[in-house]
PDB file of N, CA and C in Angstrom:
ATOM      1  N   THR A   1      69.855  14.089  14.507  1.00  0.00           N
ATOM      2  CA  THR A   1      71.141  13.616  14.035  1.00  0.00           C
ATOM      3  C   THR A   1      71.029  13.274  12.542  1.00  0.00           C
ATOM      4  N   ASP A   2      72.125  13.364  11.829  1.00  0.00           N
ATOM      5  CA  ASP A   2      72.126  12.984  10.415  1.00  0.00           C
ATOM      6  C   ASP A   2      72.183  11.467  10.299  1.00  0.00           C
ATOM      7  N   ILE A   3      71.342  10.923   9.424  1.00  0.00           N
ATOM      8  CA  ILE A   3      71.283   9.484   9.203  1.00  0.00           C
ATOM      9  C   ILE A   3      71.602   9.220   7.738  1.00  0.00           C
ATOM     10  N   ALA A   4      72.602   8.376   7.481  1.00  0.00           N
ATOM     11  CA  ALA A   4      72.994   8.020   6.121  1.00  0.00           C
ATOM     12  C   ALA A   4      72.500   6.614   5.807  1.00  0.00           C
ATOM     13  N   PHE A   5      72.005   6.418   4.581  1.00  0.00           N
ATOM     14  CA  PHE A   5      71.482   5.132   4.151  1.00  0.00           C
ATOM     15  C   PHE A   5      72.434   4.453   3.176  1.00  0.00           C
ATOM     16  N   ASP A   6      72.284   3.137   3.051  1.00  0.00           N
ATOM     17  CA  ASP A   6      73.136   2.353   2.156  1.00  0.00           C
ATOM     18  C   ASP A   6      73.081   2.846   0.717  1.00  0.00           C
ATOM     19  N   ASP A   7      71.943   3.398   0.303  1.00  0.00           N
ATOM     20  CA  ASP A   7      71.797   3.836  -1.093  1.00  0.00           C
ATOM     21  C   ASP A   7      72.374   5.232  -1.328  1.00  0.00           C
ATOM     22  N   GLY A   8      73.002   5.811  -0.316  1.00  0.00           N
ATOM     23  CA  GLY A   8      73.602   7.132  -0.454  1.00  0.00           C
ATOM     24  C   GLY A   8      72.713   8.264   0.022  1.00  0.00           C
ATOM     25  N   GLY A   9      71.445   7.980   0.280  1.00  0.00           N
ATOM     26  CA  GLY A   9      70.527   9.005   0.777  1.00  0.00           C
ATOM     27  C   GLY A   9      70.842   9.368   2.219  1.00  0.00           C
ATOM     28  N   ALA A  10      70.354  10.522   2.627  1.00  0.00           N
ATOM     29  CA  ALA A  10      70.555  10.977   4.003  1.00  0.00           C
ATOM     30  C   ALA A  10      69.362  11.809   4.442  1.00  0.00           C
ATOM     31  N   VAL A  11      69.052  11.749   5.716  1.00  0.00           N
ATOM     32  CA  VAL A  11      67.967  12.531   6.307  1.00  0.00           C
ATOM     33  C   VAL A  11      68.392  12.965   7.708  1.00  0.00           C
ATOM     34  N   GLU A  12      67.638  13.897   8.258  1.00  0.00           N
ATOM     35  CA  GLU A  12      67.828  14.265   9.655  1.00  0.00           C
ATOM     36  C   GLU A  12      66.844  13.437  10.472  1.00  0.00           C
ATOM     37  N   GLY A  13      67.309  12.825  11.543  1.00  0.00           N
ATOM     38  CA  GLY A  13      66.451  11.958  12.338  1.00  0.00           C
ATOM     39  C   GLY A  13      66.511  12.308  13.811  1.00  0.00           C
ATOM     40  N   LEU A  14      65.600  11.734  14.553  1.00  0.00           N
ATOM     41  CA  LEU A  14      65.511  11.913  15.992  1.00  0.00           C
ATOM     42  C   LEU A  14      65.893  10.594  16.651  1.00  0.00           C
ATOM     43  N   VAL A  15      66.788  10.634  17.618  1.00  0.00           N
ATOM     44  CA  VAL A  15      67.277   9.438  18.286  1.00  0.00           C
ATOM     45  C   VAL A  15      66.953   9.531  19.774  1.00  0.00           C
ATOM     46  N   TYR A  16      66.360   8.477  20.306  1.00  0.00           N
ATOM     47  CA  TYR A  16      66.111   8.387  21.740  1.00  0.00           C
ATOM     48  C   TYR A  16      67.133   7.434  22.337  1.00  0.00           C
ATOM     49  N   ILE A  17      67.790   7.856  23.403  1.00  0.00           N
ATOM     50  CA  ILE A  17      68.775   7.011  24.071  1.00  0.00           C
ATOM     51  C   ILE A  17      68.387   6.910  25.536  1.00  0.00           C
ATOM     52  N   ALA A  18      68.191   5.683  26.012  1.00  0.00           N
ATOM     53  CA  ALA A  18      67.871   5.474  27.425  1.00  0.00           C
ATOM     54  C   ALA A  18      69.164   5.256  28.195  1.00  0.00           C
ATOM     55  N   THR A  19      69.354   6.042  29.228  1.00  0.00           N
ATOM     56  CA  THR A  19      70.517   5.887  30.100  1.00  0.00           C
ATOM     57  C   THR A  19      70.036   5.465  31.480  1.00  0.00           C
ATOM     58  N   GLU A  20      70.954   5.081  32.322  1.00  0.00           N
ATOM     59  CA  GLU A  20      70.598   4.649  33.669  1.00  0.00           C
ATOM     60  C   GLU A  20      69.915   5.752  34.471  1.00  0.00           C
ATOM     61  N   GLU A  21      70.121   7.004  34.076  1.00  0.00           N
ATOM     62  CA  GLU A  21      69.495   8.124  34.777  1.00  0.00           C
ATOM     63  C   GLU A  21      68.009   8.271  34.426  1.00  0.00           C
ATOM     64  N   ASN A  22      67.562   7.623  33.363  1.00  0.00           N
ATOM     65  CA  ASN A  22      66.178   7.691  32.911  1.00  0.00           C
ATOM     66  C   ASN A  22      65.330   6.778  33.798  1.00  0.00           C
ATOM     67  N   ALA A  23      64.224   7.298  34.329  1.00  0.00           N
ATOM     68  CA  ALA A  23      63.353   6.511  35.210  1.00  0.00           C
ATOM     69  C   ALA A  23      62.796   5.276  34.519  1.00  0.00           C
ATOM     70  N   ALA A  24      62.703   5.294  33.197  1.00  0.00           N
ATOM     71  CA  ALA A  24      62.165   4.161  32.457  1.00  0.00           C
ATOM     72  C   ALA A  24      63.250   3.182  32.003  1.00  0.00           C
ATOM     73  N   PHE A  25      64.498   3.412  32.376  1.00  0.00           N
ATOM     74  CA  PHE A  25      65.601   2.547  31.969  1.00  0.00           C
ATOM     75  C   PHE A  25      65.410   1.155  32.538  1.00  0.00           C
ATOM     76  N   LEU A  26      65.400   0.148  31.673  1.00  0.00           N
ATOM     77  CA  LEU A  26      65.167  -1.232  32.097  1.00  0.00           C
ATOM     78  C   LEU A  26      66.461  -1.944  32.451  1.00  0.00           C
ATOM     79  N   GLY A  27      67.559  -1.568  31.829  1.00  0.00           N
ATOM     80  CA  GLY A  27      68.824  -2.263  32.071  1.00  0.00           C
ATOM     81  C   GLY A  27      68.847  -3.586  31.317  1.00  0.00           C
ATOM     82  N   PRO A  28      69.789  -4.467  31.650  1.00  0.00           N
ATOM     83  CA  PRO A  28      69.848  -5.763  30.968  1.00  0.00           C
ATOM     84  C   PRO A  28      68.539  -6.526  31.194  1.00  0.00           C
ATOM     85  N   ALA A  29      67.952  -7.021  30.112  1.00  0.00           N
ATOM     86  CA  ALA A  29      66.671  -7.705  30.231  1.00  0.00           C
ATOM     87  C   ALA A  29      66.475  -8.650  29.052  1.00  0.00           C
ATOM     88  N   SER A  30      65.616  -9.612  29.241  1.00  0.00           N
ATOM     89  CA  SER A  30      65.281 -10.530  28.150  1.00  0.00           C
ATOM     90  C   SER A  30      64.416  -9.788  27.126  1.00  0.00           C
ATOM     91  N   GLU A  31      64.344 -10.342  25.940  1.00  0.00           N
ATOM     92  CA  GLU A  31      63.494  -9.734  24.910  1.00  0.00           C
ATOM     93  C   GLU A  31      62.031  -9.747  25.337  1.00  0.00           C
ATOM     94  N   TYR A  32      61.610 -10.756  26.084  1.00  0.00           N
ATOM     95  CA  TYR A  32      60.247 -10.810  26.604  1.00  0.00           C
ATOM     96  C   TYR A  32      59.997  -9.653  27.582  1.00  0.00           C
ATOM     97  N   ASP A  33      60.938  -9.440  28.501  1.00  0.00           N
ATOM     98  CA  ASP A  33      60.780  -8.345  29.470  1.00  0.00           C
ATOM     99  C   ASP A  33      60.805  -6.987  28.777  1.00  0.00           C
ATOM    100  N   ILE A  34      61.618  -6.862  27.730  1.00  0.00           N
ATOM    101  CA  ILE A  34      61.633  -5.621  26.961  1.00  0.00           C
ATOM    102  C   ILE A  34      60.271  -5.402  26.311  1.00  0.00           C
ATOM    103  N   ALA A  35      59.669  -6.463  25.778  1.00  0.00           N
ATOM    104  CA  ALA A  35      58.341  -6.359  25.167  1.00  0.00           C
ATOM    105  C   ALA A  35      57.295  -5.927  26.191  1.00  0.00           C
ATOM    106  N   LEU A  36      57.373  -6.468  27.402  1.00  0.00           N
ATOM    107  CA  LEU A  36      56.435  -6.064  28.460  1.00  0.00           C
ATOM    108  C   LEU A  36      56.576  -4.575  28.761  1.00  0.00           C
ATOM    109  N   GLN A  37      57.820  -4.100  28.847  1.00  0.00           N
ATOM    110  CA  GLN A  37      58.072  -2.682  29.117  1.00  0.00           C
ATOM    111  C   GLN A  37      57.533  -1.826  27.986  1.00  0.00           C
ATOM    112  N   ILE A  38      57.797  -2.238  26.751  1.00  0.00           N
ATOM    113  CA  ILE A  38      57.334  -1.485  25.583  1.00  0.00           C
ATOM    114  C   ILE A  38      55.807  -1.430  25.548  1.00  0.00           C
ATOM    115  N   ALA A  39      55.161  -2.548  25.829  1.00  0.00           N
ATOM    116  CA  ALA A  39      53.697  -2.612  25.784  1.00  0.00           C
ATOM    117  C   ALA A  39      53.057  -1.644  26.774  1.00  0.00           C
ATOM    118  N   ALA A  40      53.743  -1.383  27.868  1.00  0.00           N
ATOM    119  CA  ALA A  40      53.176  -0.532  28.923  1.00  0.00           C
ATOM    120  C   ALA A  40      53.667   0.915  28.863  1.00  0.00           C
ATOM    121  N   SER A  41      54.459   1.241  27.851  1.00  0.00           N
ATOM    122  CA  SER A  41      55.100   2.565  27.835  1.00  0.00           C
ATOM    123  C   SER A  41      54.634   3.439  26.685  1.00  0.00           C
ATOM    124  N   ARG A  42      54.684   4.731  26.945  1.00  0.00           N
ATOM    125  CA  ARG A  42      54.320   5.740  25.953  1.00  0.00           C
ATOM    126  C   ARG A  42      55.261   6.924  26.128  1.00  0.00           C
ATOM    127  N   GLY A  43      55.725   7.472  25.022  1.00  0.00           N
ATOM    128  CA  GLY A  43      56.623   8.619  25.075  1.00  0.00           C
ATOM    129  C   GLY A  43      56.014   9.813  24.388  1.00  0.00           C
ATOM    130  N   PRO A  44      56.789  10.882  24.229  1.00  0.00           N
ATOM    131  CA  PRO A  44      56.272  12.103  23.616  1.00  0.00           C
ATOM    132  C   PRO A  44      55.839  11.918  22.166  1.00  0.00           C
ATOM    133  N   SER A  45      56.341  10.882  21.514  1.00  0.00           N
ATOM    134  CA  SER A  45      55.981  10.631  20.112  1.00  0.00           C
ATOM    135  C   SER A  45      54.879   9.584  19.971  1.00  0.00           C
ATOM    136  N   GLY A  46      54.364   9.075  21.081  1.00  0.00           N
ATOM    137  CA  GLY A  46      53.280   8.101  21.025  1.00  0.00           C
ATOM    138  C   GLY A  46      53.635   6.806  21.729  1.00  0.00           C
ATOM    139  N   PRO A  47      52.820   5.758  21.514  1.00  0.00           N
ATOM    140  CA  PRO A  47      53.050   4.472  22.186  1.00  0.00           C
ATOM    141  C   PRO A  47      54.362   3.837  21.724  1.00  0.00           C
ATOM    142  N   ASN A  48      55.105   3.311  22.675  1.00  0.00           N
ATOM    143  CA  ASN A  48      56.357   2.644  22.332  1.00  0.00           C
ATOM    144  C   ASN A  48      56.107   1.418  21.473  1.00  0.00           C
ATOM    145  N   SER A  49      54.964   0.766  21.650  1.00  0.00           N
ATOM    146  CA  SER A  49      54.640  -0.410  20.835  1.00  0.00           C
ATOM    147  C   SER A  49      54.530  -0.027  19.362  1.00  0.00           C
ATOM    148  N   GLU A  50      53.930   1.109  19.086  1.00  0.00           N
ATOM    149  CA  GLU A  50      53.806   1.566  17.697  1.00  0.00           C
ATOM    150  C   GLU A  50      55.183   1.805  17.091  1.00  0.00           C
ATOM    151  N   TYR A  51      56.073   2.407  17.876  1.00  0.00           N
ATOM    152  CA  TYR A  51      57.433   2.649  17.398  1.00  0.00           C
ATOM    153  C   TYR A  51      58.119   1.327  17.039  1.00  0.00           C
ATOM    154  N   LEU A  52      58.037   0.345  17.939  1.00  0.00           N
ATOM    155  CA  LEU A  52      58.702  -0.938  17.691  1.00  0.00           C
ATOM    156  C   LEU A  52      58.118  -1.636  16.472  1.00  0.00           C
ATOM    157  N   LEU A  53      56.798  -1.633  16.341  1.00  0.00           N
ATOM    158  CA  LEU A  53      56.160  -2.283  15.197  1.00  0.00           C
ATOM    159  C   LEU A  53      56.542  -1.598  13.886  1.00  0.00           C
ATOM    160  N   GLU A  54      56.590  -0.287  13.887  1.00  0.00           N
ATOM    161  CA  GLU A  54      56.993   0.446  12.678  1.00  0.00           C
ATOM    162  C   GLU A  54      58.472   0.233  12.363  1.00  0.00           C
ATOM    163  N   LEU A  55      59.299   0.127  13.396  1.00  0.00           N
ATOM    164  CA  LEU A  55      60.714  -0.162  13.196  1.00  0.00           C
ATOM    165  C   LEU A  55      60.891  -1.522  12.536  1.00  0.00           C
ATOM    166  N   ALA A  56      60.212  -2.538  13.048  1.00  0.00           N
ATOM    167  CA  ALA A  56      60.319  -3.881  12.480  1.00  0.00           C
ATOM    168  C   ALA A  56      59.833  -3.890  11.029  1.00  0.00           C
ATOM    169  N   LYS A  57      58.751  -3.205  10.759  1.00  0.00           N
ATOM    170  CA  LYS A  57      58.223  -3.112   9.387  1.00  0.00           C
ATOM    171  C   LYS A  57      59.249  -2.464   8.460  1.00  0.00           C
ATOM    172  N   ALA A  58      59.834  -1.360   8.905  1.00  0.00           N
ATOM    173  CA  ALA A  58      60.823  -0.656   8.083  1.00  0.00           C
ATOM    174  C   ALA A  58      62.054  -1.518   7.842  1.00  0.00           C
ATOM    175  N   LEU A  59      62.497  -2.235   8.861  1.00  0.00           N
ATOM    176  CA  LEU A  59      63.659  -3.108   8.687  1.00  0.00           C
ATOM    177  C   LEU A  59      63.380  -4.180   7.633  1.00  0.00           C
ATOM    178  N   ARG A  60      62.194  -4.756   7.680  1.00  0.00           N
ATOM    179  CA  ARG A  60      61.832  -5.768   6.670  1.00  0.00           C
ATOM    180  C   ARG A  60      61.808  -5.156   5.267  1.00  0.00           C
ATOM    181  N   GLU A  61      61.203  -3.969   5.156  1.00  0.00           N
ATOM    182  CA  GLU A  61      61.132  -3.308   3.855  1.00  0.00           C
ATOM    183  C   GLU A  61      62.518  -2.990   3.302  1.00  0.00           C
ATOM    184  N   LEU A  62      63.471  -2.738   4.195  1.00  0.00           N
ATOM    185  CA  LEU A  62      64.848  -2.460   3.789  1.00  0.00           C
ATOM    186  C   LEU A  62      65.662  -3.738   3.578  1.00  0.00           C
ATOM    187  N   GLY A  63      65.041  -4.884   3.865  1.00  0.00           N
ATOM    188  CA  GLY A  63      65.738  -6.152   3.707  1.00  0.00           C
ATOM    189  C   GLY A  63      66.772  -6.406   4.792  1.00  0.00           C
ATOM    190  N   LYS A  64      66.580  -5.786   5.954  1.00  0.00           N
ATOM    191  CA  LYS A  64      67.523  -5.938   7.067  1.00  0.00           C
ATOM    192  C   LYS A  64      66.983  -6.948   8.073  1.00  0.00           C
ATOM    193  N   ASP A  65      67.831  -7.858   8.503  1.00  0.00           N
ATOM    194  CA  ASP A  65      67.447  -8.876   9.471  1.00  0.00           C
ATOM    195  C   ASP A  65      67.969  -8.483  10.836  1.00  0.00           C
ATOM    196  N   ASP A  66      67.086  -8.078  11.722  1.00  0.00           N
ATOM    197  CA  ASP A  66      67.467  -7.687  13.073  1.00  0.00           C
ATOM    198  C   ASP A  66      66.774  -8.637  14.041  1.00  0.00           C
ATOM    199  N   GLU A  67      67.470  -9.717  14.398  1.00  0.00           N
ATOM    200  CA  GLU A  67      66.871 -10.755  15.239  1.00  0.00           C
ATOM    201  C   GLU A  67      66.340 -10.195  16.561  1.00  0.00           C
ATOM    202  N   HIS A  68      67.045  -9.238  17.134  1.00  0.00           N
ATOM    203  CA  HIS A  68      66.640  -8.657  18.416  1.00  0.00           C
ATOM    204  C   HIS A  68      65.300  -7.917  18.278  1.00  0.00           C
ATOM    205  N   ALA A  69      65.204  -7.034  17.304  1.00  0.00           N
ATOM    206  CA  ALA A  69      63.964  -6.273  17.098  1.00  0.00           C
ATOM    207  C   ALA A  69      62.811  -7.201  16.736  1.00  0.00           C
ATOM    208  N   PHE A  70      63.073  -8.199  15.905  1.00  0.00           N
ATOM    209  CA  PHE A  70      62.009  -9.105  15.478  1.00  0.00           C
ATOM    210  C   PHE A  70      61.544 -10.006  16.625  1.00  0.00           C
ATOM    211  N   ALA A  71      62.463 -10.394  17.511  1.00  0.00           N
ATOM    212  CA  ALA A  71      62.073 -11.201  18.670  1.00  0.00           C
ATOM    213  C   ALA A  71      61.206 -10.382  19.621  1.00  0.00           C
ATOM    214  N   ILE A  72      61.574  -9.125  19.837  1.00  0.00           N
ATOM    215  CA  ILE A  72      60.765  -8.258  20.695  1.00  0.00           C
ATOM    216  C   ILE A  72      59.387  -8.062  20.069  1.00  0.00           C
ATOM    217  N   GLU A  73      59.349  -7.867  18.750  1.00  0.00           N
ATOM    218  CA  GLU A  73      58.077  -7.718  18.038  1.00  0.00           C
ATOM    219  C   GLU A  73      57.190  -8.945  18.255  1.00  0.00           C
ATOM    220  N   LYS A  74      57.777 -10.122  18.161  1.00  0.00           N
ATOM    221  CA  LYS A  74      57.019 -11.366  18.347  1.00  0.00           C
ATOM    222  C   LYS A  74      56.431 -11.432  19.768  1.00  0.00           C
ATOM    223  N   HIS A  75      57.250 -11.130  20.762  1.00  0.00           N
ATOM    224  CA  HIS A  75      56.770 -11.144  22.146  1.00  0.00           C
ATOM    225  C   HIS A  75      55.723 -10.049  22.365  1.00  0.00           C
ATOM    226  N   LEU A  76      55.923  -8.911  21.751  1.00  0.00           N
ATOM    227  CA  LEU A  76      54.972  -7.802  21.891  1.00  0.00           C
ATOM    228  C   LEU A  76      53.596  -8.215  21.394  1.00  0.00           C
ATOM    229  N   GLY A  77      53.564  -8.951  20.289  1.00  0.00           N
ATOM    230  CA  GLY A  77      52.284  -9.437  19.773  1.00  0.00           C
ATOM    231  C   GLY A  77      51.571 -10.332  20.774  1.00  0.00           C
ATOM    232  N   LYS A  78      52.319 -11.094  21.540  1.00  0.00           N
ATOM    233  CA  LYS A  78      51.738 -12.000  22.536  1.00  0.00           C
ATOM    234  C   LYS A  78      51.261 -11.262  23.776  1.00  0.00           C
ATOM    235  N   VAL A  79      52.044 -10.297  24.254  1.00  0.00           N
ATOM    236  CA  VAL A  79      51.689  -9.617  25.505  1.00  0.00           C
ATOM    237  C   VAL A  79      50.663  -8.504  25.286  1.00  0.00           C
ATOM    238  N   SER A  80      50.507  -8.054  24.053  1.00  0.00           N
ATOM    239  CA  SER A  80      49.546  -6.987  23.765  1.00  0.00           C
ATOM    240  C   SER A  80      48.183  -7.518  23.393  1.00  0.00           C
ATOM    241  N   SER A  81      48.074  -8.816  23.195  1.00  0.00           N
ATOM    242  CA  SER A  81      46.787  -9.417  22.772  1.00  0.00           C
ATOM    243  C   SER A  81      45.832  -9.551  23.913  1.00  0.00           C
TER     244      SER A  81
END
């Protein structure tokens, strides 16, 4: 999909969407439970934990505050240790 950035730049990106038909679909869950699922999961692009950690890093570098992603990151650090 095409992704547009605040600075006017654009790239082509890959988007993963989990639906109820997906065997790994967690449904409504706490950020802690999401972290547990992420810690135990791996997809075609690698470990889900790596994806989440890189996402949180990129958000910080962009100056974006995403409380949900950062809370999952915090829990992930605890459950992966």
